[in-house]
């Protein structure tokens, strides 16, 4: 969901109500997508394994374990909803920071 959330942030940046559009640097996005997110995955591989994890895995080609018809649509909706929260939160932080900066430095403009 990290890639989807970042894509939402990039899409929402021009849609902000402030006139200052947050700049999305190319190097920063490259580091986020190609370095930070994979390192988070590597940290998960370094955790201790569960000794009984293979006992809970269903056997291969088990006919009783099937996906329902709407499983793909539900999965995509779940991923989008999970990715939407950080993207919207970034926009709210931008608006709050912009408001505080306007109050601190441009008080005459607001009055």
Protein backbone atom coordinates (compact mmCIF):
# COMPACT_ATOMS: atom_id res chain seq x y z
CA UNK A 1 0.00 0.00 0.00
CA UNK A 2 3.02 2.28 0.24
CA UNK A 3 3.20 2.72 -3.52
CA UNK A 4 -0.54 3.35 -3.78
CA UNK A 5 -0.45 5.85 -0.92
CA UNK A 6 2.44 7.73 -2.52
CA UNK A 7 0.58 7.80 -5.82
CA UNK A 8 -2.44 9.32 -4.04
CA UNK A 9 -0.19 12.02 -2.51
CA UNK A 10 1.21 12.90 -5.92
CA UNK A 11 -2.31 13.06 -7.39
CA UNK A 12 -3.68 15.16 -4.51
CA UNK A 13 -0.84 17.74 -4.53
CA UNK A 14 -2.23 19.82 -7.42
CA UNK A 15 -5.75 19.54 -5.95
CA UNK A 16 -4.84 21.38 -2.75
CA UNK A 17 -6.81 24.49 -1.81
CA UNK A 18 -3.62 26.36 -0.98
CA UNK A 19 -1.75 28.15 -3.71
CA UNK A 20 1.49 26.56 -2.62
CA UNK A 21 1.68 23.10 -4.13
CA UNK A 22 4.03 20.81 -2.22
CA UNK A 23 6.99 19.92 -4.35
CA UNK A 24 7.53 16.19 -4.78
CA UNK A 25 11.26 15.77 -5.39
CA UNK A 26 12.32 13.08 -7.83
CA UNK A 27 15.19 11.83 -5.71
CA UNK A 28 13.00 11.71 -2.61
CA UNK A 29 10.34 9.69 -4.37
CA UNK A 30 12.98 7.33 -5.75
CA UNK A 31 14.46 6.81 -2.28
CA UNK A 32 11.00 6.29 -0.79
CA UNK A 33 9.83 3.78 -3.38
CA UNK A 34 13.07 1.94 -4.11
CA UNK A 35 14.90 2.08 -0.77
CA UNK A 36 12.68 2.80 2.23
CA UNK A 37 9.75 0.49 1.45
CA UNK A 38 11.99 -2.50 0.57
CA UNK A 39 14.03 -1.95 3.75
CA UNK A 40 10.82 -2.14 5.75
CA UNK A 41 10.15 -5.47 4.08
CA UNK A 42 13.67 -6.65 4.89
CA UNK A 43 13.12 -5.79 8.54
CA UNK A 44 10.12 -8.10 8.53
CA UNK A 45 12.27 -10.94 7.21
CA UNK A 46 14.71 -10.45 10.09
CA UNK A 47 12.10 -11.15 12.76
CA UNK A 48 11.87 -14.48 14.52
CA UNK A 49 9.93 -17.13 12.74
CA UNK A 50 6.92 -18.88 14.14
CA UNK A 51 7.79 -22.54 14.66
CA UNK A 52 4.24 -23.73 13.95
CA UNK A 53 3.56 -21.53 10.94
CA UNK A 54 3.77 -24.41 8.48
CA UNK A 55 1.20 -26.36 10.46
CA UNK A 56 -1.41 -23.69 9.76
CA UNK A 57 -0.76 -23.52 6.00
CA UNK A 58 -3.35 -25.43 3.94
CA UNK A 59 -2.06 -28.23 1.74
CA UNK A 60 -1.16 -27.43 -1.85
CA UNK A 61 -4.01 -27.54 -4.39
CA UNK A 62 -6.63 -27.82 -1.68
CA UNK A 63 -10.01 -27.61 -3.40
CA UNK A 64 -11.80 -26.44 -0.25
CA UNK A 65 -9.86 -23.16 -0.09
CA UNK A 66 -11.17 -20.96 -2.90
CA UNK A 67 -11.69 -17.26 -3.37
CA UNK A 68 -15.17 -15.86 -3.74
CA UNK A 69 -16.33 -14.03 -6.88
CA UNK A 70 -15.96 -10.50 -5.49
CA UNK A 71 -12.65 -11.13 -3.73
CA UNK A 72 -10.54 -9.13 -6.19
CA UNK A 73 -12.82 -6.10 -6.09
CA UNK A 74 -12.92 -6.21 -2.29
CA UNK A 75 -9.13 -6.49 -2.11
CA UNK A 76 -8.62 -3.48 -4.40
CA UNK A 77 -11.13 -1.43 -2.40
CA UNK A 78 -9.40 -2.37 0.85
CA UNK A 79 -5.97 -1.39 -0.50
CA UNK A 80 -7.28 1.96 -1.77
CA UNK A 81 -8.98 2.77 1.53
CA UNK A 82 -5.84 1.87 3.49
CA UNK A 83 -3.67 3.97 1.17
CA UNK A 84 -6.03 6.94 1.16
CA UNK A 85 -5.60 7.79 4.86
CA UNK A 86 -1.86 8.65 4.73
CA UNK A 87 -2.35 10.61 1.52
CA UNK A 88 -5.19 12.69 2.97
CA UNK A 89 -3.26 13.13 6.24
CA UNK A 90 -0.31 14.58 4.27
CA UNK A 91 -2.64 17.11 2.65
CA UNK A 92 -4.11 18.07 6.05
CA UNK A 93 -0.62 18.56 7.48
CA UNK A 94 0.19 20.78 4.48
CA UNK A 95 -2.92 22.90 5.08
CA UNK A 96 -2.26 23.23 8.82
CA UNK A 97 1.39 24.17 8.22
CA UNK A 98 0.35 26.67 5.56
CA UNK A 99 -2.17 28.22 7.98
CA UNK A 100 0.38 28.52 10.77
CA UNK A 101 2.93 30.06 8.41
CA UNK A 102 0.35 32.56 7.18
CA UNK A 103 -0.50 33.53 10.76
CA UNK A 104 3.17 33.82 11.72
CA UNK A 105 4.51 35.71 8.71
CA UNK A 106 1.58 37.26 6.83
CA UNK A 107 -0.75 38.46 9.56
CA UNK A 108 -1.45 41.72 7.70
CA UNK A 109 -2.64 39.76 4.68
CA UNK A 110 -5.18 37.85 6.80
CA UNK A 111 -6.68 40.89 8.51
